[in-house]
Amino acid sequence: MGKTLVVILLVLCSFACTKTVYVPVETVRTVTKTERDTVVQVKIKRESVFVRTRDTIARAETSVAEAEARVSGGQLALDLRNKDTTIAAETKVVIINTVDSIPYVVPTPIEVKVRYVAWYDKAIRWAGLAVLVLSAFGITIFDIRKLFK
């Protein structure tokens, strides 16, 4: 139980030192969305046709309709029908551009400034290390003094 806890703590401590750095992205994703407007109002050009005849039937035709007028029994009857034609119309197209930039994790090296250590500071550290090693073997400063007497 104790060894397992120590191993788990060591693993957690080793992963605790990592740092996630988000770097601004140079790549940009562009999404283009096109919407077409379905409501169209078409202005039809004006056309007029005038027909005068002595006959009992008069016919007239424009680019979008046909008409036929008859006189029978003292009454005038008018038959007006639209043709099966298409009219060119301008439609409104809406284009929406959306620009996304999505950050992602990029490993970046972290620069660590190494400070200058003077020679006397190094000598003090080596001397301290030597004292620790000698004391680990049971040799103290008093024993070293006895050697030089």
N, C-alpha and C. Protein backbone atom coordinates (compact mmCIF):
# COMPACT_ATOMS: atom_id res chain seq x y z
N MET A 1 0.82 -1.20 0.00
CA MET A 1 0.00 0.00 0.00
C MET A 1 0.87 1.25 0.00
N GLY A 2 1.90 1.25 0.83
CA GLY A 2 2.78 2.41 0.94
C GLY A 2 3.58 2.65 -0.34
N LYS A 3 4.07 1.54 -0.95
CA LYS A 3 4.85 1.67 -2.19
C LYS A 3 3.97 2.16 -3.34
N THR A 4 2.75 1.67 -3.38
CA THR A 4 1.82 2.09 -4.43
C THR A 4 1.52 3.58 -4.31
N LEU A 5 1.33 4.05 -3.09
CA LEU A 5 1.06 5.47 -2.86
C LEU A 5 2.25 6.32 -3.28
N VAL A 6 3.46 5.85 -2.99
CA VAL A 6 4.67 6.59 -3.37
C VAL A 6 4.80 6.65 -4.89
N VAL A 7 4.54 5.54 -5.56
CA VAL A 7 4.62 5.52 -7.02
C VAL A 7 3.59 6.46 -7.63
N ILE A 8 2.36 6.44 -7.11
CA ILE A 8 1.31 7.32 -7.63
C ILE A 8 1.69 8.78 -7.42
N LEU A 9 2.22 9.11 -6.26
CA LEU A 9 2.65 10.49 -5.99
C LEU A 9 3.79 10.91 -6.92
N LEU A 10 4.74 10.01 -7.18
CA LEU A 10 5.83 10.34 -8.09
C LEU A 10 5.32 10.58 -9.52
N VAL A 11 4.38 9.75 -9.96
CA VAL A 11 3.82 9.93 -11.31
C VAL A 11 3.06 11.25 -11.40
N LEU A 12 2.25 11.56 -10.39
CA LEU A 12 1.51 12.82 -10.39
C LEU A 12 2.44 14.02 -10.36
N CYS A 13 3.50 13.93 -9.58
CA CYS A 13 4.46 15.04 -9.52
C CYS A 13 5.20 15.23 -10.84
N SER A 14 5.47 14.15 -11.54
CA SER A 14 6.20 14.28 -12.81
C SER A 14 5.32 14.92 -13.88
N PHE A 15 4.00 14.67 -13.86
CA PHE A 15 3.10 15.27 -14.85
C PHE A 15 2.61 16.65 -14.44
N ALA A 16 2.82 17.04 -13.21
CA ALA A 16 2.33 18.33 -12.75
C ALA A 16 3.18 19.49 -13.27
N CYS A 17 4.34 19.23 -13.79
CA CYS A 17 5.23 20.30 -14.22
C CYS A 17 5.00 20.73 -15.67
N THR A 18 4.13 20.08 -16.39
CA THR A 18 3.91 20.46 -17.78
C THR A 18 3.01 21.68 -17.85
N LYS A 19 3.18 22.47 -18.92
CA LYS A 19 2.41 23.68 -19.08
C LYS A 19 1.86 23.71 -20.50
N THR A 20 0.59 24.01 -20.65
CA THR A 20 -0.04 24.11 -21.97
C THR A 20 0.08 25.55 -22.43
N VAL A 21 0.65 25.75 -23.61
CA VAL A 21 0.83 27.09 -24.16
C VAL A 21 0.01 27.18 -25.42
N TYR A 22 -0.88 28.18 -25.51
CA TYR A 22 -1.66 28.41 -26.71
C TYR A 22 -0.99 29.52 -27.52
N VAL A 23 -0.74 29.21 -28.77
CA VAL A 23 -0.06 30.13 -29.66
C VAL A 23 -1.08 30.62 -30.68
N PRO A 24 -1.08 31.92 -31.01
CA PRO A 24 -2.01 32.39 -32.04
C PRO A 24 -1.78 31.66 -33.36
N VAL A 25 -2.86 31.33 -34.02
CA VAL A 25 -2.81 30.51 -35.22
C VAL A 25 -2.71 31.38 -36.46
N GLU A 26 -1.90 30.96 -37.40
CA GLU A 26 -1.78 31.67 -38.67
C GLU A 26 -2.83 31.20 -39.67
N THR A 27 -3.29 29.96 -39.54
CA THR A 27 -4.28 29.44 -40.49
C THR A 27 -5.66 29.93 -40.12
N VAL A 28 -6.45 30.25 -41.13
CA VAL A 28 -7.79 30.76 -40.93
C VAL A 28 -8.74 29.93 -41.76
N ARG A 29 -9.84 29.51 -41.17
CA ARG A 29 -10.85 28.75 -41.87
C ARG A 29 -11.96 29.70 -42.27
N THR A 30 -12.28 29.77 -43.56
CA THR A 30 -13.32 30.66 -44.07
C THR A 30 -14.51 29.82 -44.49
N VAL A 31 -15.67 30.16 -43.96
CA VAL A 31 -16.91 29.47 -44.30
C VAL A 31 -17.78 30.45 -45.08
N THR A 32 -18.17 30.06 -46.28
CA THR A 32 -19.03 30.90 -47.10
C THR A 32 -20.41 30.29 -47.15
N LYS A 33 -21.40 31.06 -46.76
CA LYS A 33 -22.77 30.58 -46.73
C LYS A 33 -23.57 31.44 -47.69
N THR A 34 -24.22 30.81 -48.65
CA THR A 34 -25.00 31.53 -49.64
C THR A 34 -26.48 31.28 -49.40
N GLU A 35 -27.23 32.36 -49.30
CA GLU A 35 -28.67 32.26 -49.13
C GLU A 35 -29.33 32.93 -50.33
N ARG A 36 -30.32 32.28 -50.86
CA ARG A 36 -31.05 32.85 -51.98
C ARG A 36 -32.42 33.32 -51.48
N ASP A 37 -32.78 34.51 -51.89
CA ASP A 37 -34.06 35.05 -51.51
C ASP A 37 -35.13 34.48 -52.42
N THR A 38 -36.19 33.91 -51.86
CA THR A 38 -37.21 33.25 -52.68
C THR A 38 -38.36 34.18 -53.02
N VAL A 39 -38.51 35.28 -52.33
CA VAL A 39 -39.60 36.20 -52.62
C VAL A 39 -39.11 37.17 -53.70
N VAL A 40 -39.74 37.07 -54.86
CA VAL A 40 -39.32 37.88 -56.00
C VAL A 40 -40.52 38.68 -56.49
N GLN A 41 -40.35 39.97 -56.62
CA GLN A 41 -41.39 40.81 -57.20
C GLN A 41 -40.89 41.28 -58.56
N VAL A 42 -41.64 40.93 -59.56
CA VAL A 42 -41.23 41.25 -60.93
C VAL A 42 -42.11 42.37 -61.45
N LYS A 43 -41.49 43.39 -61.95
CA LYS A 43 -42.23 44.47 -62.56
C LYS A 43 -42.31 44.18 -64.06
N ILE A 44 -43.52 43.96 -64.54
CA ILE A 44 -43.71 43.62 -65.95
C ILE A 44 -43.80 44.91 -66.74
N LYS A 45 -43.15 44.91 -67.89
CA LYS A 45 -43.19 46.11 -68.72
C LYS A 45 -44.59 46.29 -69.31
N ARG A 46 -44.97 47.53 -69.45
CA ARG A 46 -46.32 47.83 -69.95
C ARG A 46 -46.38 47.61 -71.45
N GLU A 47 -47.46 46.96 -71.85
CA GLU A 47 -47.72 46.76 -73.27
C GLU A 47 -49.20 47.07 -73.52
N SER A 48 -49.47 47.64 -74.64
CA SER A 48 -50.88 47.87 -74.99
C SER A 48 -51.08 47.56 -76.47
N VAL A 49 -52.25 47.01 -76.73
CA VAL A 49 -52.61 46.65 -78.10
C VAL A 49 -54.02 47.19 -78.34
N PHE A 50 -54.18 47.90 -79.44
CA PHE A 50 -55.49 48.42 -79.80
C PHE A 50 -55.92 47.76 -81.10
N VAL A 51 -57.10 47.14 -81.06
CA VAL A 51 -57.61 46.44 -82.24
C VAL A 51 -59.00 47.02 -82.56
N ARG A 52 -59.19 47.41 -83.84
CA ARG A 52 -60.51 47.87 -84.29
C ARG A 52 -60.88 47.01 -85.48
N THR A 53 -62.06 46.44 -85.43
CA THR A 53 -62.50 45.56 -86.50
C THR A 53 -64.01 45.70 -86.72
N ARG A 54 -64.48 45.36 -87.91
CA ARG A 54 -65.91 45.36 -88.19
C ARG A 54 -66.51 43.99 -87.95
N ASP A 55 -65.63 43.03 -87.67
CA ASP A 55 -66.07 41.65 -87.43
C ASP A 55 -66.61 41.54 -86.00
N THR A 56 -67.23 40.43 -85.67
CA THR A 56 -67.77 40.20 -84.33
C THR A 56 -66.72 39.63 -83.38
N ILE A 57 -65.55 39.29 -83.89
CA ILE A 57 -64.48 38.74 -83.07
C ILE A 57 -63.24 39.62 -83.25
N ALA A 58 -62.61 39.97 -82.11
CA ALA A 58 -61.36 40.73 -82.13
C ALA A 58 -60.34 39.98 -81.28
N ARG A 59 -59.13 39.83 -81.83
CA ARG A 59 -58.06 39.13 -81.09
C ARG A 59 -56.87 40.08 -80.91
N ALA A 60 -56.25 39.98 -79.70
CA ALA A 60 -55.05 40.77 -79.40
C ALA A 60 -54.09 39.90 -78.62
N GLU A 61 -52.81 40.21 -78.76
CA GLU A 61 -51.79 39.39 -78.09
C GLU A 61 -50.64 40.29 -77.65
N THR A 62 -50.16 40.05 -76.40
CA THR A 62 -48.96 40.71 -75.90
C THR A 62 -47.94 39.62 -75.59
N SER A 63 -46.82 40.03 -74.98
CA SER A 63 -45.78 39.03 -74.70
C SER A 63 -46.17 38.09 -73.55
N VAL A 64 -47.15 38.47 -72.73
CA VAL A 64 -47.52 37.62 -71.59
C VAL A 64 -48.97 37.17 -71.61
N ALA A 65 -49.82 37.71 -72.51
CA ALA A 65 -51.24 37.34 -72.49
C ALA A 65 -51.83 37.35 -73.90
N GLU A 66 -52.96 36.64 -74.01
CA GLU A 66 -53.76 36.62 -75.24
C GLU A 66 -55.18 37.01 -74.88
N ALA A 67 -55.83 37.76 -75.73
CA ALA A 67 -57.21 38.17 -75.47
C ALA A 67 -58.06 37.96 -76.72
N GLU A 68 -59.33 37.62 -76.47
CA GLU A 68 -60.27 37.44 -77.57
C GLU A 68 -61.61 38.02 -77.12
N ALA A 69 -62.14 38.94 -77.91
CA ALA A 69 -63.42 39.58 -77.60
C ALA A 69 -64.43 39.20 -78.66
N ARG A 70 -65.68 38.88 -78.24
CA ARG A 70 -66.74 38.48 -79.16
C ARG A 70 -68.02 39.27 -78.83
N VAL A 71 -68.71 39.53 -79.84
CA VAL A 71 -70.03 40.14 -79.67
C VAL A 71 -71.04 39.11 -80.15
N SER A 72 -71.90 38.69 -79.26
CA SER A 72 -72.92 37.73 -79.65
C SER A 72 -74.20 38.04 -78.88
N GLY A 73 -75.27 38.15 -79.59
CA GLY A 73 -76.58 38.41 -78.97
C GLY A 73 -76.62 39.76 -78.28
N GLY A 74 -75.88 40.73 -78.77
CA GLY A 74 -75.89 42.07 -78.19
C GLY A 74 -75.00 42.20 -76.96
N GLN A 75 -74.24 41.14 -76.62
CA GLN A 75 -73.35 41.20 -75.45
C GLN A 75 -71.91 41.02 -75.89
N LEU A 76 -71.01 41.69 -75.18
CA LEU A 76 -69.58 41.59 -75.44
C LEU A 76 -68.97 40.61 -74.43
N ALA A 77 -68.25 39.61 -74.92
CA ALA A 77 -67.58 38.63 -74.05
C ALA A 77 -66.07 38.73 -74.30
N LEU A 78 -65.33 38.83 -73.22
CA LEU A 78 -63.87 38.96 -73.33
C LEU A 78 -63.22 37.75 -72.68
N ASP A 79 -62.32 37.11 -73.40
CA ASP A 79 -61.57 35.95 -72.88
C ASP A 79 -60.10 36.36 -72.85
N LEU A 80 -59.53 36.47 -71.65
CA LEU A 80 -58.14 36.90 -71.46
C LEU A 80 -57.39 35.76 -70.78
N ARG A 81 -56.28 35.31 -71.39
CA ARG A 81 -55.50 34.19 -70.84
C ARG A 81 -54.01 34.56 -70.82
N ASN A 82 -53.34 34.13 -69.75
CA ASN A 82 -51.89 34.32 -69.67
C ASN A 82 -51.19 33.22 -70.43
N LYS A 83 -50.06 33.56 -71.04
CA LYS A 83 -49.26 32.57 -71.75
C LYS A 83 -48.36 31.83 -70.76
N ASP A 84 -47.90 30.66 -71.17
CA ASP A 84 -46.92 29.92 -70.37
C ASP A 84 -45.52 30.40 -70.74
N THR A 85 -45.15 31.55 -70.28
CA THR A 85 -43.83 32.09 -70.57
C THR A 85 -43.13 32.40 -69.25
N THR A 86 -41.84 32.48 -69.32
CA THR A 86 -41.07 32.83 -68.13
C THR A 86 -40.58 34.26 -68.28
N ILE A 87 -40.47 34.92 -67.15
CA ILE A 87 -40.00 36.30 -67.14
C ILE A 87 -38.68 36.31 -66.38
N ALA A 88 -37.68 36.87 -67.00
CA ALA A 88 -36.37 36.96 -66.35
C ALA A 88 -36.45 37.99 -65.23
N ALA A 89 -36.01 37.59 -64.05
CA ALA A 89 -36.06 38.49 -62.90
C ALA A 89 -34.74 38.41 -62.16
N GLU A 90 -34.35 39.53 -61.58
CA GLU A 90 -33.14 39.55 -60.77
C GLU A 90 -33.48 39.02 -59.38
N THR A 91 -32.69 38.08 -58.92
CA THR A 91 -32.91 37.55 -57.57
C THR A 91 -31.82 38.09 -56.66
N LYS A 92 -32.17 38.22 -55.43
CA LYS A 92 -31.24 38.74 -54.44
C LYS A 92 -30.46 37.57 -53.84
N VAL A 93 -29.13 37.63 -53.93
CA VAL A 93 -28.29 36.59 -53.35
C VAL A 93 -27.49 37.21 -52.21
N VAL A 94 -27.62 36.62 -51.03
CA VAL A 94 -26.91 37.09 -49.86
C VAL A 94 -25.76 36.15 -49.58
N ILE A 95 -24.54 36.66 -49.56
CA ILE A 95 -23.37 35.84 -49.26
C ILE A 95 -22.80 36.29 -47.92
N ILE A 96 -22.69 35.34 -47.00
CA ILE A 96 -22.19 35.62 -45.67
C ILE A 96 -20.84 34.92 -45.52
N ASN A 97 -19.79 35.67 -45.24
CA ASN A 97 -18.47 35.10 -45.00
C ASN A 97 -18.19 35.10 -43.51
N THR A 98 -17.83 33.95 -42.99
CA THR A 98 -17.47 33.82 -41.59
C THR A 98 -16.02 33.37 -41.51
N VAL A 99 -15.21 34.09 -40.76
CA VAL A 99 -13.80 33.76 -40.63
C VAL A 99 -13.55 33.27 -39.21
N ASP A 100 -13.03 32.07 -39.09
CA ASP A 100 -12.73 31.48 -37.79
C ASP A 100 -11.22 31.28 -37.68
N SER A 101 -10.70 31.52 -36.51
CA SER A 101 -9.34 31.10 -36.21
C SER A 101 -9.41 30.29 -34.93
N ILE A 102 -9.00 29.06 -35.02
CA ILE A 102 -9.13 28.13 -33.90
C ILE A 102 -7.74 27.90 -33.30
N PRO A 103 -7.53 28.26 -32.03
CA PRO A 103 -6.22 28.01 -31.43
C PRO A 103 -6.02 26.53 -31.13
N TYR A 104 -4.80 26.09 -31.27
CA TYR A 104 -4.48 24.71 -30.93
C TYR A 104 -3.16 24.68 -30.18
N VAL A 105 -2.92 23.60 -29.49
CA VAL A 105 -1.74 23.48 -28.64
C VAL A 105 -0.50 23.25 -29.49
N VAL A 106 0.50 24.09 -29.29
CA VAL A 106 1.77 23.97 -30.00
C VAL A 106 2.86 23.89 -28.95
N PRO A 107 3.67 22.83 -28.98
CA PRO A 107 4.76 22.77 -27.99
C PRO A 107 5.82 23.83 -28.32
N THR A 108 6.10 24.67 -27.36
CA THR A 108 7.10 25.72 -27.56
C THR A 108 8.20 25.56 -26.52
N PRO A 109 9.43 25.65 -26.95
CA PRO A 109 10.52 25.55 -25.97
C PRO A 109 10.56 26.82 -25.11
N ILE A 110 10.77 26.62 -23.80
CA ILE A 110 10.82 27.74 -22.87
C ILE A 110 12.29 28.05 -22.60
N GLU A 111 12.65 29.29 -22.86
CA GLU A 111 14.04 29.68 -22.65
C GLU A 111 14.25 29.98 -21.17
N VAL A 112 15.27 29.35 -20.61
CA VAL A 112 15.60 29.55 -19.20
C VAL A 112 16.95 30.27 -19.16
N LYS A 113 16.96 31.38 -18.47
CA LYS A 113 18.21 32.12 -18.34
C LYS A 113 19.11 31.41 -17.33
N VAL A 114 20.33 31.12 -17.73
CA VAL A 114 21.30 30.48 -16.84
C VAL A 114 22.14 31.60 -16.24
N ARG A 115 22.05 31.69 -14.92
CA ARG A 115 22.80 32.78 -14.29
C ARG A 115 24.27 32.39 -14.13
N TYR A 116 25.08 33.36 -14.13
CA TYR A 116 26.53 33.15 -13.98
C TYR A 116 26.86 32.82 -12.52
N VAL A 117 27.64 31.75 -12.32
CA VAL A 117 28.06 31.35 -10.98
C VAL A 117 29.56 31.60 -10.87
N ALA A 118 29.94 32.36 -9.87
CA ALA A 118 31.35 32.71 -9.68
C ALA A 118 32.15 31.51 -9.19
N TRP A 119 33.48 31.55 -9.33
CA TRP A 119 34.35 30.43 -8.98
C TRP A 119 34.33 30.14 -7.49
N TYR A 120 34.26 31.20 -6.68
CA TYR A 120 34.27 30.98 -5.23
C TYR A 120 32.95 30.36 -4.76
N ASP A 121 31.86 30.66 -5.46
CA ASP A 121 30.57 30.04 -5.11
C ASP A 121 30.61 28.54 -5.41
N LYS A 122 31.25 28.19 -6.53
CA LYS A 122 31.41 26.76 -6.88
C LYS A 122 32.28 26.04 -5.84
N ALA A 123 33.34 26.71 -5.40
CA ALA A 123 34.25 26.10 -4.42
C ALA A 123 33.51 25.84 -3.10
N ILE A 124 32.68 26.78 -2.68
CA ILE A 124 31.92 26.61 -1.43
C ILE A 124 30.96 25.43 -1.57
N ARG A 125 30.33 25.29 -2.71
CA ARG A 125 29.39 24.19 -2.92
C ARG A 125 30.12 22.83 -2.92
N TRP A 126 31.29 22.76 -3.57
CA TRP A 126 32.05 21.50 -3.57
C TRP A 126 32.53 21.15 -2.16
N ALA A 127 32.90 22.15 -1.41
CA ALA A 127 33.34 21.89 -0.03
C ALA A 127 32.17 21.37 0.81
N GLY A 128 31.00 21.96 0.64
CA GLY A 128 29.81 21.49 1.37
C GLY A 128 29.46 20.07 0.98
N LEU A 129 29.57 19.74 -0.31
CA LEU A 129 29.29 18.38 -0.77
C LEU A 129 30.30 17.39 -0.18
N ALA A 130 31.56 17.80 -0.12
CA ALA A 130 32.59 16.92 0.45
C ALA A 130 32.31 16.65 1.93
N VAL A 131 31.88 17.66 2.67
CA VAL A 131 31.57 17.48 4.09
C VAL A 131 30.40 16.51 4.25
N LEU A 132 29.37 16.65 3.38
CA LEU A 132 28.22 15.73 3.47
C LEU A 132 28.63 14.29 3.17
N VAL A 133 29.47 14.10 2.16
CA VAL A 133 29.89 12.74 1.79
C VAL A 133 30.73 12.13 2.91
N LEU A 134 31.68 12.91 3.45
CA LEU A 134 32.53 12.39 4.53
C LEU A 134 31.73 12.08 5.79
N SER A 135 30.74 12.92 6.09
CA SER A 135 29.94 12.65 7.28
C SER A 135 29.04 11.43 7.07
N ALA A 136 28.71 11.13 5.83
CA ALA A 136 27.92 9.93 5.55
C ALA A 136 28.73 8.68 5.87
N PHE A 137 30.04 8.75 5.69
CA PHE A 137 30.91 7.62 6.02
C PHE A 137 31.38 7.65 7.47
N GLY A 138 30.90 8.61 8.25
CA GLY A 138 31.26 8.67 9.68
C GLY A 138 32.50 9.49 9.96
N ILE A 139 33.02 10.17 9.01
CA ILE A 139 34.21 10.99 9.22
C ILE A 139 33.75 12.42 9.45
N THR A 140 34.12 12.99 10.57
CA THR A 140 33.70 14.36 10.88
C THR A 140 34.90 15.29 10.77
N ILE A 141 34.64 16.57 10.95
CA ILE A 141 35.70 17.58 10.87
C ILE A 141 36.71 17.36 11.99
N PHE A 142 36.26 16.87 13.14
CA PHE A 142 37.18 16.62 14.25
C PHE A 142 38.17 15.52 13.91
N ASP A 143 37.73 14.50 13.19
CA ASP A 143 38.64 13.43 12.78
C ASP A 143 39.67 13.94 11.80
N ILE A 144 39.28 14.85 10.93
CA ILE A 144 40.22 15.41 9.94
C ILE A 144 41.26 16.26 10.67
N ARG A 145 40.88 16.99 11.70
CA ARG A 145 41.84 17.80 12.47
C ARG A 145 42.89 16.91 13.14
N LYS A 146 42.47 15.75 13.62
CA LYS A 146 43.39 14.85 14.30
C LYS A 146 44.47 14.35 13.31
N LEU A 147 44.12 14.22 12.03
CA LEU A 147 45.11 13.77 11.04
C LEU A 147 46.22 14.80 10.82
N PHE A 148 45.90 16.08 10.94
CA PHE A 148 46.90 17.13 10.70
C PHE A 148 47.68 17.51 11.96
N LYS A 149 47.44 16.98 13.13
CA LYS A 149 48.18 17.29 14.34
C LYS A 149 49.42 16.50 14.47
